[in-house]
Amino acid sequence: MSNDPNYNFFSVLYEQEKESMYWYAASQLRNDFLAEEAVQEAFLIALEKIEVFVNVEKPEGWLFGILKNVIKRIKAEEYKLQRRFISINEHNASQSLSTNDEIDPVILFDGVVSREDLDILQKLYVHGYTYKDIADEMGIHLSTVGMRAKRAKEKFGGKYEK
């Protein structure tokens, strides 16, 4: 595969741009894990369109354009998820202690995501934890928190987007 000129072009571009793209994404998303995910997704999109991509006059600009669109999508998804969790908490806070109208997120999302993954999402979107805070508290690797949060968000989004 290394004899393929498109592959060589892409490999060189990846090495040249990955760091600046990461720092840009990190500054926009304020989250190292999401920044890494955004950069990987941008390169994957470019790779999927390699025939078009290699003929673009300024591939770096095109690549950053892809990254900006990926970042916008990630921000929108993160905002939607955060609003869902906050509305549940606002509903619960508005209920008096004497009523049974409180929504228990564990019951509401049971079967959609595991209780442990739900806890990760609540810590991220309700309590403002960072991925590192959660990793330290749970005694697991940072990338494990990121992957579990990503999978839980995908399951959660798939269930409640309909």
N, C-alpha and C. Protein backbone atom coordinates (compact mmCIF):
# COMPACT_ATOMS: atom_id res chain seq x y z
N MET A 1 0.82 -1.20 0.00
CA MET A 1 0.00 0.00 0.00
C MET A 1 0.86 1.26 0.00
N SER A 2 2.10 1.19 0.51
CA SER A 2 2.95 2.37 0.59
C SER A 2 3.43 2.85 -0.79
N ASN A 3 3.23 2.07 -1.86
CA ASN A 3 3.58 2.50 -3.21
C ASN A 3 2.48 3.34 -3.84
N ASP A 4 1.32 3.37 -3.23
CA ASP A 4 0.19 4.15 -3.72
C ASP A 4 0.48 5.63 -3.48
N PRO A 5 0.50 6.46 -4.54
CA PRO A 5 0.80 7.89 -4.36
C PRO A 5 -0.22 8.61 -3.47
N ASN A 6 -1.49 8.17 -3.53
CA ASN A 6 -2.50 8.78 -2.67
C ASN A 6 -2.22 8.49 -1.20
N TYR A 7 -1.80 7.26 -0.93
CA TYR A 7 -1.46 6.87 0.44
C TYR A 7 -0.27 7.68 0.93
N ASN A 8 0.75 7.81 0.10
CA ASN A 8 1.93 8.58 0.49
C ASN A 8 1.57 10.05 0.73
N PHE A 9 0.77 10.62 -0.16
CA PHE A 9 0.31 12.00 -0.01
C PHE A 9 -0.42 12.18 1.33
N PHE A 10 -1.33 11.26 1.60
CA PHE A 10 -2.14 11.34 2.81
C PHE A 10 -1.28 11.17 4.06
N SER A 11 -0.34 10.25 4.03
CA SER A 11 0.55 10.01 5.18
C SER A 11 1.37 11.24 5.51
N VAL A 12 1.93 11.87 4.48
CA VAL A 12 2.73 13.08 4.69
C VAL A 12 1.85 14.19 5.26
N LEU A 13 0.68 14.37 4.69
CA LEU A 13 -0.25 15.40 5.17
C LEU A 13 -0.65 15.14 6.62
N TYR A 14 -0.91 13.89 6.94
CA TYR A 14 -1.28 13.52 8.31
C TYR A 14 -0.17 13.94 9.28
N GLU A 15 1.06 13.59 8.96
CA GLU A 15 2.19 13.93 9.84
C GLU A 15 2.36 15.43 9.97
N GLN A 16 2.11 16.17 8.90
CA GLN A 16 2.28 17.63 8.92
C GLN A 16 1.17 18.34 9.71
N GLU A 17 -0.04 17.84 9.63
CA GLU A 17 -1.19 18.59 10.14
C GLU A 17 -1.80 18.07 11.44
N LYS A 18 -1.51 16.85 11.85
CA LYS A 18 -2.23 16.26 12.98
C LYS A 18 -2.08 17.07 14.27
N GLU A 19 -0.89 17.58 14.53
CA GLU A 19 -0.68 18.31 15.78
C GLU A 19 -1.42 19.64 15.80
N SER A 20 -1.32 20.41 14.72
CA SER A 20 -2.02 21.71 14.69
C SER A 20 -3.54 21.50 14.70
N MET A 21 -4.00 20.44 14.04
CA MET A 21 -5.43 20.15 14.06
C MET A 21 -5.88 19.78 15.47
N TYR A 22 -5.06 18.99 16.16
CA TYR A 22 -5.40 18.60 17.53
C TYR A 22 -5.51 19.83 18.43
N TRP A 23 -4.52 20.73 18.35
CA TRP A 23 -4.55 21.90 19.23
C TRP A 23 -5.73 22.81 18.90
N TYR A 24 -6.06 22.91 17.63
CA TYR A 24 -7.24 23.70 17.26
C TYR A 24 -8.50 23.06 17.84
N ALA A 25 -8.64 21.77 17.65
CA ALA A 25 -9.83 21.07 18.16
C ALA A 25 -9.90 21.16 19.68
N ALA A 26 -8.77 21.01 20.35
CA ALA A 26 -8.75 21.10 21.82
C ALA A 26 -9.17 22.49 22.28
N SER A 27 -8.74 23.51 21.56
CA SER A 27 -9.13 24.88 21.95
C SER A 27 -10.62 25.12 21.75
N GLN A 28 -11.21 24.47 20.75
CA GLN A 28 -12.63 24.65 20.48
C GLN A 28 -13.51 23.79 21.37
N LEU A 29 -13.06 22.58 21.65
CA LEU A 29 -13.89 21.63 22.40
C LEU A 29 -13.58 21.62 23.90
N ARG A 30 -12.41 22.13 24.26
CA ARG A 30 -11.97 22.17 25.67
C ARG A 30 -12.01 20.79 26.32
N ASN A 31 -11.61 19.81 25.51
CA ASN A 31 -11.62 18.43 26.00
C ASN A 31 -10.66 17.64 25.13
N ASP A 32 -9.61 17.12 25.75
CA ASP A 32 -8.56 16.43 25.00
C ASP A 32 -9.09 15.19 24.28
N PHE A 33 -9.92 14.43 24.96
CA PHE A 33 -10.45 13.21 24.34
C PHE A 33 -11.30 13.55 23.12
N LEU A 34 -12.21 14.51 23.26
CA LEU A 34 -13.05 14.89 22.13
C LEU A 34 -12.24 15.50 21.00
N ALA A 35 -11.18 16.22 21.35
CA ALA A 35 -10.31 16.80 20.33
C ALA A 35 -9.64 15.71 19.51
N GLU A 36 -9.11 14.71 20.19
CA GLU A 36 -8.49 13.59 19.48
C GLU A 36 -9.50 12.88 18.59
N GLU A 37 -10.69 12.68 19.11
CA GLU A 37 -11.75 12.04 18.34
C GLU A 37 -12.11 12.87 17.10
N ALA A 38 -12.18 14.18 17.25
CA ALA A 38 -12.52 15.06 16.13
C ALA A 38 -11.45 15.00 15.04
N VAL A 39 -10.20 15.02 15.43
CA VAL A 39 -9.11 14.96 14.45
C VAL A 39 -9.14 13.62 13.71
N GLN A 40 -9.32 12.54 14.45
CA GLN A 40 -9.37 11.22 13.80
C GLN A 40 -10.53 11.15 12.82
N GLU A 41 -11.67 11.68 13.21
CA GLU A 41 -12.83 11.65 12.32
C GLU A 41 -12.59 12.50 11.08
N ALA A 42 -11.96 13.66 11.25
CA ALA A 42 -11.67 14.52 10.09
C ALA A 42 -10.75 13.81 9.10
N PHE A 43 -9.72 13.15 9.61
CA PHE A 43 -8.82 12.42 8.72
C PHE A 43 -9.54 11.24 8.06
N LEU A 44 -10.41 10.60 8.78
CA LEU A 44 -11.15 9.48 8.21
C LEU A 44 -12.05 9.96 7.06
N ILE A 45 -12.71 11.08 7.26
CA ILE A 45 -13.55 11.64 6.20
C ILE A 45 -12.71 11.98 4.99
N ALA A 46 -11.55 12.59 5.22
CA ALA A 46 -10.65 12.94 4.11
C ALA A 46 -10.18 11.69 3.39
N LEU A 47 -9.85 10.66 4.15
CA LEU A 47 -9.38 9.41 3.54
C LEU A 47 -10.47 8.77 2.70
N GLU A 48 -11.71 8.85 3.17
CA GLU A 48 -12.83 8.28 2.41
C GLU A 48 -13.04 9.01 1.07
N LYS A 49 -12.58 10.27 1.01
CA LYS A 49 -12.74 11.07 -0.21
C LYS A 49 -11.38 11.38 -0.82
N ILE A 50 -10.45 10.44 -0.70
CA ILE A 50 -9.07 10.67 -1.10
C ILE A 50 -8.93 11.08 -2.56
N GLU A 51 -9.75 10.53 -3.46
CA GLU A 51 -9.64 10.88 -4.88
C GLU A 51 -9.92 12.36 -5.11
N VAL A 52 -10.87 12.90 -4.38
CA VAL A 52 -11.17 14.33 -4.48
C VAL A 52 -10.11 15.12 -3.73
N PHE A 53 -9.77 14.63 -2.57
CA PHE A 53 -8.87 15.33 -1.66
C PHE A 53 -7.50 15.59 -2.27
N VAL A 54 -6.93 14.64 -2.98
CA VAL A 54 -5.58 14.82 -3.54
C VAL A 54 -5.54 15.86 -4.65
N ASN A 55 -6.69 16.20 -5.22
CA ASN A 55 -6.74 17.19 -6.30
C ASN A 55 -7.13 18.58 -5.83
N VAL A 56 -7.34 18.76 -4.54
CA VAL A 56 -7.70 20.06 -3.99
C VAL A 56 -6.45 20.94 -3.97
N GLU A 57 -6.61 22.22 -4.33
CA GLU A 57 -5.46 23.12 -4.40
C GLU A 57 -4.76 23.29 -3.04
N LYS A 58 -5.55 23.46 -1.98
CA LYS A 58 -4.98 23.62 -0.64
C LYS A 58 -5.57 22.56 0.28
N PRO A 59 -5.00 21.37 0.28
CA PRO A 59 -5.58 20.28 1.08
C PRO A 59 -5.61 20.58 2.58
N GLU A 60 -4.65 21.38 3.06
CA GLU A 60 -4.65 21.72 4.49
C GLU A 60 -5.91 22.50 4.85
N GLY A 61 -6.29 23.44 3.99
CA GLY A 61 -7.49 24.24 4.23
C GLY A 61 -8.75 23.38 4.17
N TRP A 62 -8.78 22.47 3.23
CA TRP A 62 -9.92 21.56 3.09
C TRP A 62 -10.03 20.67 4.32
N LEU A 63 -8.88 20.20 4.80
CA LEU A 63 -8.84 19.34 5.98
C LEU A 63 -9.34 20.10 7.22
N PHE A 64 -8.91 21.36 7.37
CA PHE A 64 -9.39 22.15 8.50
C PHE A 64 -10.88 22.46 8.37
N GLY A 65 -11.35 22.61 7.14
CA GLY A 65 -12.79 22.80 6.93
C GLY A 65 -13.58 21.59 7.41
N ILE A 66 -13.06 20.40 7.09
CA ILE A 66 -13.69 19.16 7.57
C ILE A 66 -13.68 19.15 9.09
N LEU A 67 -12.53 19.48 9.68
CA LEU A 67 -12.40 19.48 11.14
C LEU A 67 -13.40 20.45 11.77
N LYS A 68 -13.56 21.62 11.20
CA LYS A 68 -14.51 22.59 11.76
C LYS A 68 -15.93 22.03 11.74
N ASN A 69 -16.29 21.35 10.66
CA ASN A 69 -17.63 20.74 10.59
C ASN A 69 -17.79 19.62 11.62
N VAL A 70 -16.76 18.83 11.81
CA VAL A 70 -16.80 17.76 12.81
C VAL A 70 -16.95 18.37 14.20
N ILE A 71 -16.21 19.43 14.48
CA ILE A 71 -16.29 20.10 15.78
C ILE A 71 -17.70 20.65 16.01
N LYS A 72 -18.29 21.26 14.99
CA LYS A 72 -19.66 21.77 15.13
C LYS A 72 -20.63 20.66 15.47
N ARG A 73 -20.49 19.51 14.80
CA ARG A 73 -21.37 18.38 15.07
C ARG A 73 -21.17 17.86 16.49
N ILE A 74 -19.93 17.73 16.92
CA ILE A 74 -19.65 17.24 18.27
C ILE A 74 -20.22 18.21 19.31
N LYS A 75 -20.03 19.50 19.11
CA LYS A 75 -20.57 20.49 20.06
C LYS A 75 -22.09 20.39 20.13
N ALA A 76 -22.74 20.23 19.00
CA ALA A 76 -24.21 20.12 18.98
C ALA A 76 -24.66 18.87 19.72
N GLU A 77 -23.98 17.75 19.49
CA GLU A 77 -24.34 16.51 20.18
C GLU A 77 -24.12 16.64 21.68
N GLU A 78 -23.00 17.23 22.07
CA GLU A 78 -22.70 17.41 23.49
C GLU A 78 -23.75 18.31 24.15
N TYR A 79 -24.14 19.38 23.46
CA TYR A 79 -25.13 20.31 24.00
C TYR A 79 -26.48 19.61 24.19
N LYS A 80 -26.89 18.84 23.17
CA LYS A 80 -28.18 18.12 23.26
C LYS A 80 -28.20 17.16 24.44
N LEU A 81 -27.13 16.43 24.59
CA LEU A 81 -27.06 15.46 25.68
C LEU A 81 -27.07 16.17 27.04
N GLN A 82 -26.31 17.24 27.13
CA GLN A 82 -26.27 18.00 28.38
C GLN A 82 -27.66 18.55 28.72
N ARG A 83 -28.38 19.07 27.74
CA ARG A 83 -29.72 19.61 27.98
C ARG A 83 -30.67 18.51 28.47
N ARG A 84 -30.55 17.31 27.93
CA ARG A 84 -31.42 16.21 28.38
C ARG A 84 -31.21 15.92 29.86
N PHE A 85 -29.95 15.81 30.25
CA PHE A 85 -29.66 15.52 31.65
C PHE A 85 -30.06 16.68 32.55
N ILE A 86 -29.82 17.90 32.11
CA ILE A 86 -30.16 19.06 32.94
C ILE A 86 -31.68 19.16 33.09
N SER A 87 -32.46 18.89 32.02
CA SER A 87 -33.91 18.97 32.18
C SER A 87 -34.44 17.95 33.14
N ILE A 88 -33.85 16.77 33.18
CA ILE A 88 -34.26 15.77 34.17
C ILE A 88 -33.98 16.29 35.57
N ASN A 89 -32.78 16.85 35.77
CA ASN A 89 -32.43 17.37 37.10
C ASN A 89 -33.29 18.57 37.48
N GLU A 90 -33.61 19.44 36.50
CA GLU A 90 -34.48 20.58 36.80
C GLU A 90 -35.88 20.09 37.19
N HIS A 91 -36.37 19.08 36.49
CA HIS A 91 -37.66 18.51 36.84
C HIS A 91 -37.63 17.97 38.27
N ASN A 92 -36.59 17.22 38.57
CA ASN A 92 -36.48 16.65 39.92
C ASN A 92 -36.37 17.73 40.98
N ALA A 93 -35.63 18.78 40.71
CA ALA A 93 -35.46 19.86 41.69
C ALA A 93 -36.76 20.61 41.93
N SER A 94 -37.63 20.66 40.91
CA SER A 94 -38.88 21.40 41.05
C SER A 94 -39.94 20.60 41.82
N GLN A 95 -39.73 19.32 42.01
CA GLN A 95 -40.69 18.48 42.72
C GLN A 95 -40.48 18.59 44.23
N SER A 96 -41.57 18.66 44.97
CA SER A 96 -41.43 18.68 46.43
C SER A 96 -41.05 17.29 46.91
N LEU A 97 -40.47 17.22 48.07
CA LEU A 97 -40.03 15.94 48.61
C LEU A 97 -41.21 15.00 48.90
N SER A 98 -42.42 15.56 48.99
CA SER A 98 -43.57 14.72 49.34
C SER A 98 -44.19 14.04 48.12
N THR A 99 -43.76 14.40 46.92
CA THR A 99 -44.36 13.76 45.74
C THR A 99 -43.47 12.65 45.22
N ASN A 100 -44.06 11.80 44.45
CA ASN A 100 -43.30 10.71 43.84
C ASN A 100 -43.10 10.97 42.35
N ASP A 101 -43.11 12.25 41.95
CA ASP A 101 -43.01 12.59 40.53
C ASP A 101 -41.57 12.77 40.06
N GLU A 102 -40.62 12.46 40.92
CA GLU A 102 -39.23 12.62 40.54
C GLU A 102 -38.86 11.58 39.48
N ILE A 103 -38.10 12.00 38.50
CA ILE A 103 -37.63 11.09 37.45
C ILE A 103 -36.29 10.53 37.90
N ASP A 104 -36.21 9.23 38.02
CA ASP A 104 -34.95 8.58 38.37
C ASP A 104 -34.22 8.25 37.07
N PRO A 105 -33.09 8.92 36.80
CA PRO A 105 -32.37 8.64 35.55
C PRO A 105 -32.00 7.16 35.41
N VAL A 106 -31.74 6.48 36.51
CA VAL A 106 -31.38 5.06 36.44
C VAL A 106 -32.55 4.26 35.88
N ILE A 107 -33.77 4.56 36.33
CA ILE A 107 -34.94 3.85 35.81
C ILE A 107 -35.22 4.28 34.37
N LEU A 108 -35.14 5.59 34.11
CA LEU A 108 -35.44 6.12 32.79
C LEU A 108 -34.51 5.53 31.72
N PHE A 109 -33.24 5.37 32.04
CA PHE A 109 -32.26 4.93 31.04
C PHE A 109 -31.83 3.49 31.24
N ASP A 110 -32.47 2.78 32.17
CA ASP A 110 -32.11 1.38 32.41
C ASP A 110 -32.34 0.58 31.13
N GLY A 111 -31.37 -0.20 30.78
CA GLY A 111 -31.45 -0.99 29.56
C GLY A 111 -30.91 -0.25 28.35
N VAL A 112 -30.78 1.06 28.43
CA VAL A 112 -30.20 1.83 27.33
C VAL A 112 -28.68 1.86 27.50
N VAL A 113 -28.26 2.22 28.68
CA VAL A 113 -26.83 2.22 29.02
C VAL A 113 -26.69 1.57 30.40
N SER A 114 -25.50 1.08 30.70
CA SER A 114 -25.28 0.48 32.02
C SER A 114 -25.33 1.57 33.08
N ARG A 115 -25.56 1.16 34.31
CA ARG A 115 -25.61 2.12 35.41
C ARG A 115 -24.28 2.85 35.58
N GLU A 116 -23.20 2.13 35.38
CA GLU A 116 -21.87 2.74 35.50
C GLU A 116 -21.66 3.78 34.39
N ASP A 117 -22.08 3.47 33.18
CA ASP A 117 -21.94 4.41 32.07
C ASP A 117 -22.89 5.61 32.25
N LEU A 118 -24.06 5.37 32.79
CA LEU A 118 -24.98 6.46 33.09
C LEU A 118 -24.34 7.39 34.12
N ASP A 119 -23.66 6.81 35.10
CA ASP A 119 -22.96 7.61 36.10
C ASP A 119 -21.90 8.49 35.44
N ILE A 120 -21.19 7.93 34.47
CA ILE A 120 -20.18 8.72 33.74
C ILE A 120 -20.85 9.90 33.03
N LEU A 121 -21.95 9.63 32.33
CA LEU A 121 -22.65 10.70 31.62
C LEU A 121 -23.18 11.77 32.57
N GLN A 122 -23.73 11.34 33.71
CA GLN A 122 -24.22 12.32 34.68
C GLN A 122 -23.08 13.19 35.21
N LYS A 123 -21.96 12.56 35.50
CA LYS A 123 -20.82 13.32 36.01
C LYS A 123 -20.33 14.33 34.97
N LEU A 124 -20.33 13.92 33.70
CA LEU A 124 -19.89 14.83 32.65
C LEU A 124 -20.86 15.99 32.43
N TYR A 125 -22.17 15.66 32.30
CA TYR A 125 -23.13 16.65 31.83
C TYR A 125 -23.94 17.34 32.91
N VAL A 126 -23.98 16.77 34.09
CA VAL A 126 -24.73 17.40 35.17
C VAL A 126 -23.79 18.03 36.19
N HIS A 127 -22.77 17.28 36.54
CA HIS A 127 -21.89 17.72 37.62
C HIS A 127 -20.63 18.41 37.15
N GLY A 128 -20.38 18.46 35.84
CA GLY A 128 -19.25 19.20 35.30
C GLY A 128 -17.89 18.57 35.49
N TYR A 129 -17.84 17.27 35.71
CA TYR A 129 -16.56 16.59 35.84
C TYR A 129 -15.83 16.62 34.51
N THR A 130 -14.52 16.51 34.56
CA THR A 130 -13.74 16.29 33.35
C THR A 130 -13.54 14.79 33.18
N TYR A 131 -13.11 14.38 32.01
CA TYR A 131 -12.82 12.97 31.78
C TYR A 131 -11.74 12.50 32.76
N LYS A 132 -10.76 13.35 33.03
CA LYS A 132 -9.68 12.99 33.95
C LYS A 132 -10.21 12.83 35.36
N ASP A 133 -11.11 13.72 35.81
CA ASP A 133 -11.71 13.60 37.14
C ASP A 133 -12.39 12.24 37.30
N ILE A 134 -13.14 11.85 36.29
CA ILE A 134 -13.87 10.59 36.34
C ILE A 134 -12.90 9.40 36.35
N ALA A 135 -11.88 9.47 35.51
CA ALA A 135 -10.88 8.38 35.46
C ALA A 135 -10.21 8.22 36.82
N ASP A 136 -9.83 9.34 37.43
CA ASP A 136 -9.18 9.28 38.74
C ASP A 136 -10.12 8.71 39.79
N GLU A 137 -11.36 9.18 39.79
CA GLU A 137 -12.34 8.72 40.79
C GLU A 137 -12.67 7.24 40.64
N MET A 138 -12.78 6.78 39.39
CA MET A 138 -13.16 5.39 39.15
C MET A 138 -11.96 4.44 39.10
N GLY A 139 -10.78 5.02 39.05
CA GLY A 139 -9.57 4.20 39.00
C GLY A 139 -9.40 3.48 37.68
N ILE A 140 -9.82 4.13 36.59
CA ILE A 140 -9.67 3.55 35.26
C ILE A 140 -8.90 4.52 34.38
N HIS A 141 -8.43 4.04 33.25
CA HIS A 141 -7.64 4.85 32.33
C HIS A 141 -8.52 5.91 31.67
N LEU A 142 -7.93 7.04 31.38
CA LEU A 142 -8.63 8.16 30.74
C LEU A 142 -9.28 7.74 29.43
N SER A 143 -8.57 6.97 28.61
CA SER A 143 -9.15 6.55 27.33
C SER A 143 -10.34 5.62 27.54
N THR A 144 -10.35 4.86 28.64
CA THR A 144 -11.48 3.99 28.94
C THR A 144 -12.72 4.83 29.23
N VAL A 145 -12.54 5.90 29.99
CA VAL A 145 -13.66 6.80 30.27
C VAL A 145 -14.19 7.38 28.96
N GLY A 146 -13.28 7.81 28.11
CA GLY A 146 -13.68 8.40 26.83
C GLY A 146 -14.45 7.43 25.97
N MET A 147 -13.97 6.21 25.86
CA MET A 147 -14.66 5.22 25.02
C MET A 147 -16.01 4.83 25.61
N ARG A 148 -16.07 4.69 26.93
CA ARG A 148 -17.34 4.34 27.56
C ARG A 148 -18.35 5.47 27.40
N ALA A 149 -17.89 6.70 27.55
CA ALA A 149 -18.79 7.85 27.37
C ALA A 149 -19.27 7.91 25.92
N LYS A 150 -18.37 7.67 24.99
CA LYS A 150 -18.74 7.71 23.57
C LYS A 150 -19.78 6.64 23.26
N ARG A 151 -19.55 5.43 23.71
CA ARG A 151 -20.51 4.34 23.44
C ARG A 151 -21.86 4.63 24.11
N ALA A 152 -21.82 5.13 25.33
CA ALA A 152 -23.07 5.43 26.04
C ALA A 152 -23.83 6.55 25.33
N LYS A 153 -23.12 7.56 24.85
CA LYS A 153 -23.78 8.65 24.13
C LYS A 153 -24.41 8.14 22.85
N GLU A 154 -23.72 7.24 22.16
CA GLU A 154 -24.27 6.68 20.93
C GLU A 154 -25.54 5.88 21.23
N LYS A 155 -25.51 5.05 22.26
CA LYS A 155 -26.69 4.27 22.64
C LYS A 155 -27.82 5.19 23.08
N PHE A 156 -27.48 6.15 23.91
CA PHE A 156 -28.46 7.10 24.43
C PHE A 156 -29.08 7.90 23.29
N GLY A 157 -28.23 8.43 22.42
CA GLY A 157 -28.71 9.23 21.29
C GLY A 157 -29.58 8.41 20.35
N GLY A 158 -29.16 7.18 20.08
CA GLY A 158 -29.93 6.31 19.20
C GLY A 158 -31.32 6.03 19.73
N LYS A 159 -31.43 5.88 21.03
CA LYS A 159 -32.72 5.57 21.67
C LYS A 159 -33.63 6.79 21.70
N TYR A 160 -33.06 7.99 21.96
CA TYR A 160 -33.91 9.15 22.21
C TYR A 160 -33.93 10.16 21.07
N GLU A 161 -33.30 9.86 19.94
CA GLU A 161 -33.40 10.73 18.78
C GLU A 161 -34.69 10.50 18.04
N LYS A 162 -35.31 9.34 18.21
CA LYS A 162 -36.49 8.96 17.45
C LYS A 162 -37.72 9.68 17.94
